[in-house]
N, C-alpha and C. Protein backbone atom coordinates (compact mmCIF):
# COMPACT_ATOMS: atom_id res chain seq x y z
N MET A 1 -3.46 -31.18 -5.26
CA MET A 1 -4.50 -30.19 -5.51
C MET A 1 -3.90 -29.07 -6.37
N GLN A 2 -4.65 -28.59 -7.33
CA GLN A 2 -4.17 -27.53 -8.21
C GLN A 2 -3.98 -26.24 -7.42
N SER A 3 -3.03 -25.42 -7.91
CA SER A 3 -2.72 -24.21 -7.16
C SER A 3 -3.88 -23.23 -7.12
N LYS A 4 -4.74 -23.21 -8.15
CA LYS A 4 -5.86 -22.27 -8.09
C LYS A 4 -6.84 -22.65 -6.98
N TYR A 5 -6.96 -23.95 -6.69
CA TYR A 5 -7.85 -24.35 -5.61
C TYR A 5 -7.20 -24.14 -4.24
N LYS A 6 -5.88 -24.24 -4.18
CA LYS A 6 -5.19 -23.88 -2.94
C LYS A 6 -5.39 -22.40 -2.65
N LYS A 7 -5.34 -21.59 -3.72
CA LYS A 7 -5.55 -20.16 -3.55
C LYS A 7 -6.99 -19.88 -3.10
N LEU A 8 -7.94 -20.66 -3.60
CA LEU A 8 -9.34 -20.51 -3.16
C LEU A 8 -9.46 -20.83 -1.68
N LEU A 9 -8.85 -21.94 -1.25
CA LEU A 9 -8.93 -22.31 0.17
C LEU A 9 -8.27 -21.26 1.05
N LEU A 10 -7.13 -20.73 0.62
CA LEU A 10 -6.49 -19.65 1.37
C LEU A 10 -7.38 -18.42 1.42
N SER A 11 -8.03 -18.12 0.29
CA SER A 11 -8.92 -16.96 0.24
C SER A 11 -10.06 -17.09 1.23
N ILE A 12 -10.65 -18.27 1.28
CA ILE A 12 -11.75 -18.51 2.22
C ILE A 12 -11.25 -18.41 3.66
N LEU A 13 -10.07 -18.96 3.93
CA LEU A 13 -9.48 -18.88 5.27
C LEU A 13 -9.23 -17.43 5.66
N TYR A 14 -8.62 -16.65 4.76
CA TYR A 14 -8.32 -15.25 5.08
C TYR A 14 -9.61 -14.44 5.28
N ASP A 15 -10.64 -14.72 4.48
CA ASP A 15 -11.92 -14.03 4.69
C ASP A 15 -12.52 -14.41 6.04
N ALA A 16 -12.37 -15.67 6.42
CA ALA A 16 -12.89 -16.10 7.74
C ALA A 16 -12.14 -15.40 8.87
N ILE A 17 -10.83 -15.25 8.73
CA ILE A 17 -10.05 -14.53 9.74
C ILE A 17 -10.53 -13.09 9.84
N GLY A 18 -10.78 -12.47 8.69
CA GLY A 18 -11.26 -11.09 8.68
C GLY A 18 -12.62 -10.93 9.33
N MET A 19 -13.43 -11.98 9.28
CA MET A 19 -14.78 -11.90 9.85
C MET A 19 -14.80 -12.27 11.33
N LEU A 20 -13.68 -12.70 11.87
CA LEU A 20 -13.62 -13.03 13.30
C LEU A 20 -13.93 -11.83 14.19
N SER A 21 -13.72 -10.63 13.65
CA SER A 21 -13.99 -9.45 14.46
C SER A 21 -15.46 -9.34 14.85
N PHE A 22 -16.33 -9.99 14.10
CA PHE A 22 -17.75 -9.99 14.45
C PHE A 22 -18.05 -10.98 15.57
N VAL A 23 -17.20 -11.98 15.72
CA VAL A 23 -17.43 -13.05 16.68
C VAL A 23 -16.94 -12.69 18.07
N ILE A 24 -15.86 -11.93 18.14
CA ILE A 24 -15.23 -11.62 19.42
C ILE A 24 -15.53 -10.16 19.80
N PRO A 25 -16.55 -9.92 20.62
CA PRO A 25 -16.91 -8.56 20.98
C PRO A 25 -15.77 -7.85 21.72
N GLY A 26 -15.55 -6.58 21.37
CA GLY A 26 -14.53 -5.79 22.03
C GLY A 26 -13.13 -5.99 21.47
N VAL A 27 -12.81 -7.20 21.06
CA VAL A 27 -11.49 -7.50 20.52
C VAL A 27 -11.47 -7.21 19.01
N GLY A 28 -12.62 -7.26 18.40
CA GLY A 28 -12.72 -7.12 16.95
C GLY A 28 -12.11 -5.86 16.39
N GLU A 29 -12.36 -4.74 17.03
CA GLU A 29 -11.83 -3.47 16.53
C GLU A 29 -10.31 -3.45 16.58
N PHE A 30 -9.74 -3.96 17.66
CA PHE A 30 -8.29 -4.04 17.77
C PHE A 30 -7.72 -5.00 16.73
N MET A 31 -8.41 -6.12 16.55
CA MET A 31 -7.96 -7.11 15.57
C MET A 31 -7.98 -6.51 14.16
N ASP A 32 -8.99 -5.71 13.85
CA ASP A 32 -9.08 -5.08 12.53
C ASP A 32 -7.90 -4.15 12.27
N ILE A 33 -7.40 -3.49 13.30
CA ILE A 33 -6.25 -2.59 13.15
C ILE A 33 -5.02 -3.39 12.70
N LEU A 34 -4.88 -4.60 13.23
CA LEU A 34 -3.75 -5.46 12.84
C LEU A 34 -4.01 -6.18 11.53
N TRP A 35 -5.25 -6.61 11.32
CA TRP A 35 -5.58 -7.43 10.16
C TRP A 35 -5.64 -6.63 8.86
N ALA A 36 -6.06 -5.38 8.91
CA ALA A 36 -6.22 -4.59 7.68
C ALA A 36 -4.92 -4.50 6.88
N PRO A 37 -3.79 -4.08 7.47
CA PRO A 37 -2.57 -4.03 6.66
C PRO A 37 -2.05 -5.41 6.28
N LEU A 38 -2.25 -6.40 7.16
CA LEU A 38 -1.80 -7.74 6.83
C LEU A 38 -2.61 -8.32 5.67
N SER A 39 -3.91 -8.11 5.68
CA SER A 39 -4.74 -8.61 4.58
C SER A 39 -4.37 -7.92 3.27
N ALA A 40 -4.06 -6.64 3.33
CA ALA A 40 -3.65 -5.92 2.12
C ALA A 40 -2.35 -6.51 1.57
N TYR A 41 -1.42 -6.82 2.45
CA TYR A 41 -0.15 -7.42 2.03
C TYR A 41 -0.38 -8.81 1.42
N LEU A 42 -1.19 -9.63 2.09
CA LEU A 42 -1.43 -10.99 1.62
C LEU A 42 -2.11 -11.01 0.26
N ILE A 43 -3.10 -10.17 0.06
CA ILE A 43 -3.80 -10.17 -1.22
C ILE A 43 -2.90 -9.63 -2.33
N LEU A 44 -2.01 -8.70 -1.99
CA LEU A 44 -1.04 -8.18 -2.96
C LEU A 44 -0.10 -9.29 -3.41
N LYS A 45 0.31 -10.16 -2.49
CA LYS A 45 1.20 -11.27 -2.85
C LYS A 45 0.46 -12.37 -3.62
N MET A 46 -0.83 -12.55 -3.34
CA MET A 46 -1.60 -13.61 -4.01
C MET A 46 -1.96 -13.24 -5.44
N TYR A 47 -2.25 -11.99 -5.68
CA TYR A 47 -2.73 -11.54 -6.99
C TYR A 47 -1.78 -10.48 -7.53
N LYS A 48 -1.17 -10.78 -8.65
CA LYS A 48 -0.10 -9.94 -9.20
C LYS A 48 -0.63 -8.79 -10.05
N GLY A 49 0.25 -7.87 -10.37
CA GLY A 49 -0.02 -6.79 -11.29
C GLY A 49 -0.97 -5.73 -10.74
N THR A 50 -1.57 -5.01 -11.67
CA THR A 50 -2.49 -3.93 -11.30
C THR A 50 -3.67 -4.46 -10.50
N PHE A 51 -4.17 -5.63 -10.88
CA PHE A 51 -5.30 -6.21 -10.16
C PHE A 51 -4.95 -6.44 -8.69
N GLY A 52 -3.76 -6.96 -8.42
CA GLY A 52 -3.32 -7.18 -7.05
C GLY A 52 -3.21 -5.90 -6.25
N LYS A 53 -2.73 -4.84 -6.91
CA LYS A 53 -2.60 -3.55 -6.23
C LYS A 53 -3.98 -2.97 -5.88
N VAL A 54 -4.89 -3.05 -6.83
CA VAL A 54 -6.25 -2.55 -6.58
C VAL A 54 -6.93 -3.39 -5.50
N ALA A 55 -6.79 -4.71 -5.59
CA ALA A 55 -7.39 -5.60 -4.59
C ALA A 55 -6.80 -5.32 -3.21
N SER A 56 -5.52 -4.99 -3.15
CA SER A 56 -4.87 -4.67 -1.89
C SER A 56 -5.48 -3.43 -1.25
N LEU A 57 -5.69 -2.40 -2.03
CA LEU A 57 -6.32 -1.18 -1.52
C LEU A 57 -7.74 -1.45 -1.04
N ILE A 58 -8.47 -2.21 -1.83
CA ILE A 58 -9.85 -2.54 -1.46
C ILE A 58 -9.86 -3.36 -0.18
N SER A 59 -8.98 -4.34 -0.09
CA SER A 59 -8.91 -5.19 1.10
C SER A 59 -8.59 -4.38 2.35
N PHE A 60 -7.63 -3.47 2.23
CA PHE A 60 -7.28 -2.64 3.38
C PHE A 60 -8.49 -1.81 3.84
N GLY A 61 -9.13 -1.15 2.90
CA GLY A 61 -10.29 -0.32 3.24
C GLY A 61 -11.43 -1.13 3.82
N GLU A 62 -11.66 -2.29 3.24
CA GLU A 62 -12.75 -3.15 3.72
C GLU A 62 -12.47 -3.67 5.12
N GLU A 63 -11.26 -4.14 5.38
CA GLU A 63 -10.93 -4.68 6.70
C GLU A 63 -10.79 -3.58 7.75
N ALA A 64 -10.43 -2.38 7.33
CA ALA A 64 -10.36 -1.26 8.27
C ALA A 64 -11.76 -0.79 8.66
N GLY A 65 -12.76 -1.31 7.98
CA GLY A 65 -14.14 -1.01 8.34
C GLY A 65 -14.70 0.24 7.69
N PHE A 66 -14.07 0.72 6.62
CA PHE A 66 -14.60 1.89 5.93
C PHE A 66 -15.96 1.56 5.35
N PHE A 67 -16.91 2.43 5.60
CA PHE A 67 -18.26 2.33 5.03
C PHE A 67 -18.99 1.06 5.41
N GLY A 68 -18.65 0.44 6.53
CA GLY A 68 -19.35 -0.75 7.00
C GLY A 68 -19.18 -1.96 6.09
N THR A 69 -18.02 -2.08 5.47
CA THR A 69 -17.80 -3.13 4.48
C THR A 69 -17.03 -4.33 5.02
N ASP A 70 -16.87 -4.42 6.31
CA ASP A 70 -16.03 -5.45 6.91
C ASP A 70 -16.49 -6.88 6.62
N ILE A 71 -17.73 -7.06 6.23
CA ILE A 71 -18.26 -8.40 6.02
C ILE A 71 -18.04 -8.92 4.60
N ILE A 72 -17.57 -8.08 3.70
CA ILE A 72 -17.38 -8.48 2.29
C ILE A 72 -16.20 -9.46 2.19
N PRO A 73 -16.40 -10.62 1.53
CA PRO A 73 -15.31 -11.61 1.39
C PRO A 73 -14.36 -11.23 0.25
N THR A 74 -13.51 -10.26 0.49
CA THR A 74 -12.65 -9.68 -0.54
C THR A 74 -11.74 -10.70 -1.20
N PHE A 75 -11.11 -11.57 -0.42
CA PHE A 75 -10.19 -12.55 -0.99
C PHE A 75 -10.93 -13.51 -1.93
N THR A 76 -12.08 -13.99 -1.51
CA THR A 76 -12.85 -14.93 -2.34
C THR A 76 -13.37 -14.24 -3.59
N LEU A 77 -13.81 -13.01 -3.47
CA LEU A 77 -14.26 -12.27 -4.65
C LEU A 77 -13.10 -12.04 -5.62
N ALA A 78 -11.92 -11.79 -5.09
CA ALA A 78 -10.74 -11.62 -5.95
C ALA A 78 -10.43 -12.92 -6.68
N TRP A 79 -10.55 -14.05 -5.99
CA TRP A 79 -10.31 -15.34 -6.63
C TRP A 79 -11.33 -15.57 -7.75
N LEU A 80 -12.59 -15.28 -7.47
CA LEU A 80 -13.63 -15.44 -8.50
C LEU A 80 -13.34 -14.55 -9.71
N TYR A 81 -12.95 -13.32 -9.45
CA TYR A 81 -12.62 -12.41 -10.55
C TYR A 81 -11.46 -12.95 -11.38
N GLU A 82 -10.40 -13.37 -10.70
CA GLU A 82 -9.22 -13.87 -11.41
C GLU A 82 -9.53 -15.12 -12.24
N ASN A 83 -10.36 -16.00 -11.72
CA ASN A 83 -10.60 -17.28 -12.38
C ASN A 83 -11.77 -17.31 -13.34
N PHE A 84 -12.67 -16.36 -13.26
CA PHE A 84 -13.82 -16.40 -14.14
C PHE A 84 -13.97 -15.13 -14.98
N ILE A 85 -13.91 -13.99 -14.38
CA ILE A 85 -14.16 -12.74 -15.11
C ILE A 85 -12.94 -12.31 -15.90
N GLN A 86 -11.80 -12.24 -15.25
CA GLN A 86 -10.58 -11.78 -15.91
C GLN A 86 -10.19 -12.71 -17.06
N LYS A 87 -10.34 -14.01 -16.89
CA LYS A 87 -10.00 -14.95 -17.95
C LYS A 87 -10.91 -14.79 -19.16
N SER A 88 -12.18 -14.52 -18.92
CA SER A 88 -13.10 -14.36 -20.05
C SER A 88 -12.81 -13.07 -20.82
N GLU A 89 -12.21 -12.08 -20.14
CA GLU A 89 -11.86 -10.84 -20.81
C GLU A 89 -10.63 -11.01 -21.69
N THR A 90 -9.78 -11.99 -21.41
CA THR A 90 -8.56 -12.15 -22.17
C THR A 90 -8.69 -13.15 -23.30
N ILE A 91 -9.81 -13.84 -23.43
CA ILE A 91 -10.02 -14.78 -24.53
C ILE A 91 -10.24 -13.98 -25.80
N PRO A 92 -9.41 -14.21 -26.82
CA PRO A 92 -9.56 -13.44 -28.06
C PRO A 92 -10.87 -13.77 -28.77
N GLN A 93 -11.50 -12.77 -29.26
CA GLN A 93 -12.74 -12.91 -30.00
C GLN A 93 -12.43 -13.16 -31.47
N GLU A 94 -13.26 -13.94 -32.13
CA GLU A 94 -13.07 -14.18 -33.55
C GLU A 94 -13.34 -12.87 -34.31
N ILE A 95 -12.53 -12.63 -35.29
CA ILE A 95 -12.69 -11.42 -36.11
C ILE A 95 -13.34 -11.82 -37.41
N ASP A 96 -14.48 -11.21 -37.68
CA ASP A 96 -15.17 -11.47 -38.94
C ASP A 96 -14.49 -10.66 -40.04
N SER A 97 -14.16 -11.33 -41.15
CA SER A 97 -13.51 -10.61 -42.27
C SER A 97 -14.52 -10.16 -43.27
């Protein structure tokens, strides 16, 4: 399997782990305290450069439950950005002479 699809599967798994706090009443808040810094670290290692740093901050805030954002699939959205949006931004455009 190609590494980009392995990264997608990991992203989906990590998002599912982050959403477990909704499934386990009472334990979820405690789990978020542990998962927020771990998710920030994992996303920083998965996505390099400035994008990884920004994604790490977003992931930490989202998993810590800031602004009710705990349900956002940050890892999967980061994968989509890296594989579709970011790549289209780096494709050189033809220059008309």
